[in-house]
Amino acid sequence: MWPRYFEILLGLWLVVSPEIYGHAAELQALAASERVTGAAIVIASVLSFWRRTESAHFASGAIALLLAAYGWLSFPRPGPPPVQNDITVAVVVLMFFLLPNRASQPPESWRKHRQVRG
């Protein structure tokens, strides 16, 4: 479950980053976008802890794609620091959402084999 913890931390970073960067008046839409996407990533990652909704972390990937696309297409490059932060966080979330919930455990077939033997 360790990848979900990192996704939660990255989502929380997105929620607080508008306060840290102090977005200018013209970037208020970006600040709202960061808060919403950060909260959505946290919710999707927390939902992944339950067996019934364990694949909810795939929503984090879709949210990260939208965040990166918004930052890339809405501002000229290289863009202000908050936009660069959003794109960087989106890329990192995209790397973590691909990892399975039980990434630190052996595959299911190995665990079944070990239960039969042991």
Protein backbone atom coordinates (compact mmCIF):
# COMPACT_ATOMS: atom_id res chain seq x y z
CA MET A 1 0.00 0.00 0.00
CA TRP A 2 2.99 2.30 0.11
CA PRO A 3 2.29 3.82 -3.34
CA ARG A 4 -1.07 5.06 -2.05
CA TYR A 5 0.64 6.88 0.83
CA PHE A 6 2.78 8.79 -1.65
CA GLU A 7 -0.28 9.62 -3.73
CA ILE A 8 -1.99 10.97 -0.60
CA LEU A 9 1.05 13.12 0.18
CA LEU A 10 1.19 14.44 -3.38
CA GLY A 11 -2.54 15.23 -3.29
CA LEU A 12 -2.10 17.10 -0.01
CA TRP A 13 0.80 19.00 -1.55
CA LEU A 14 -1.48 20.09 -4.39
CA VAL A 15 -4.08 21.27 -1.88
CA VAL A 16 -1.62 23.46 0.05
CA SER A 17 0.63 24.59 -2.81
CA PRO A 18 -1.54 27.62 -3.75
CA GLU A 19 -0.90 28.97 -0.25
CA ILE A 20 2.82 28.28 -0.52
CA TYR A 21 3.25 29.82 -3.97
CA GLY A 22 0.81 32.68 -3.32
CA HIS A 23 -0.85 32.58 -6.73
CA ALA A 24 -1.33 35.91 -8.46
CA ALA A 25 -4.80 37.16 -9.32
CA GLU A 26 -4.60 35.77 -12.87
CA LEU A 27 -3.80 32.29 -11.51
CA GLN A 28 -6.84 31.90 -9.25
CA ALA A 29 -8.40 29.38 -11.63
CA LEU A 30 -5.20 27.35 -11.37
CA ALA A 31 -5.32 27.54 -7.57
CA ALA A 32 -8.89 26.21 -7.58
CA SER A 33 -7.86 23.48 -10.01
CA GLU A 34 -4.99 22.44 -7.75
CA ARG A 35 -7.23 22.24 -4.69
CA VAL A 36 -9.87 20.19 -6.48
CA THR A 37 -7.44 17.80 -8.16
CA GLY A 38 -5.43 17.39 -4.95
CA ALA A 39 -8.54 16.52 -2.97
CA ALA A 40 -9.68 14.11 -5.69
CA ILE A 41 -6.30 12.34 -5.67
CA VAL A 42 -6.43 12.01 -1.88
CA ILE A 43 -9.97 10.60 -2.01
CA ALA A 44 -9.12 8.11 -4.76
CA SER A 45 -6.01 6.95 -2.88
CA VAL A 46 -7.84 6.55 0.42
CA LEU A 47 -10.60 4.56 -1.29
CA SER A 48 -7.92 2.18 -2.57
CA PHE A 49 -7.31 0.93 0.97
CA TRP A 50 -10.60 -1.01 1.00
CA ARG A 51 -10.89 -4.29 -0.84
CA ARG A 52 -14.16 -3.31 -2.51
CA THR A 53 -12.70 -0.12 -4.03
CA GLU A 54 -9.06 -1.14 -4.34
CA SER A 55 -8.83 -0.12 -8.00
CA ALA A 56 -9.90 3.46 -7.23
CA HIS A 57 -6.26 4.54 -7.50
CA PHE A 58 -6.62 4.35 -11.28
CA ALA A 59 -8.72 7.50 -11.00
CA SER A 60 -5.56 9.23 -9.75
CA GLY A 61 -3.96 8.56 -13.11
CA ALA A 62 -6.85 10.14 -14.99
CA ILE A 63 -6.83 13.13 -12.65
CA ALA A 64 -3.07 13.55 -13.07
CA LEU A 65 -3.44 13.45 -16.86
CA LEU A 66 -6.05 16.20 -16.69
CA LEU A 67 -3.86 18.29 -14.39
CA ALA A 68 -0.83 17.94 -16.65
CA ALA A 69 -2.88 18.70 -19.77
CA TYR A 70 -4.39 21.80 -18.16
CA GLY A 71 -0.98 23.08 -17.12
CA TRP A 72 0.62 22.29 -20.47
CA LEU A 73 -2.10 23.66 -22.73
CA SER A 74 -3.27 26.67 -20.73
CA PHE A 75 -0.02 28.54 -20.24
CA PRO A 76 2.94 29.45 -22.47
CA ARG A 77 6.09 27.57 -21.70
CA PRO A 78 8.04 27.48 -19.50
CA GLY A 79 5.09 28.81 -17.49
CA PRO A 80 4.96 30.21 -13.98
CA PRO A 81 6.31 28.12 -11.09
CA PRO A 82 2.87 26.86 -9.96
CA VAL A 83 2.25 25.41 -13.43
CA GLN A 84 5.64 23.72 -13.45
CA ASN A 85 4.84 22.31 -10.01
CA ASP A 86 1.51 20.94 -11.24
CA ILE A 87 3.06 19.23 -14.24
CA THR A 88 5.83 17.74 -12.08
CA VAL A 89 3.38 16.46 -9.48
CA ALA A 90 1.17 15.02 -12.24
CA VAL A 91 4.12 13.09 -13.69
CA VAL A 92 5.05 11.68 -10.28
CA VAL A 93 1.43 10.67 -9.58
CA LEU A 94 1.37 8.96 -12.98
CA MET A 95 4.41 6.94 -11.98
CA PHE A 96 2.92 5.86 -8.64
CA PHE A 97 -0.62 5.05 -9.77
CA LEU A 98 0.73 2.24 -11.95
CA LEU A 99 2.12 0.39 -8.93
CA PRO A 100 -0.24 -2.20 -7.44
CA ASN A 101 -1.64 -1.77 -3.95
CA ARG A 102 0.33 -4.70 -2.65
CA ALA A 103 3.59 -3.86 -4.38
CA SER A 104 5.72 -4.99 -1.46
CA GLN A 105 4.15 -8.47 -1.32
CA PRO A 106 4.92 -11.41 -3.58
CA PRO A 107 2.44 -12.25 -6.36
CA GLU A 108 -0.85 -13.91 -5.38
CA SER A 109 0.12 -17.26 -6.93
CA TRP A 110 3.31 -17.36 -4.86
CA ARG A 111 1.39 -16.61 -1.67
CA LYS A 112 -1.10 -19.42 -2.43
CA HIS A 113 1.76 -21.84 -3.08
CA ARG A 114 3.41 -20.90 0.19
CA GLN A 115 0.15 -21.42 2.12
CA VAL A 116 -0.22 -24.92 0.63
CA ARG A 117 3.35 -25.89 1.55
CA GLY A 118 3.55 -24.21 4.91
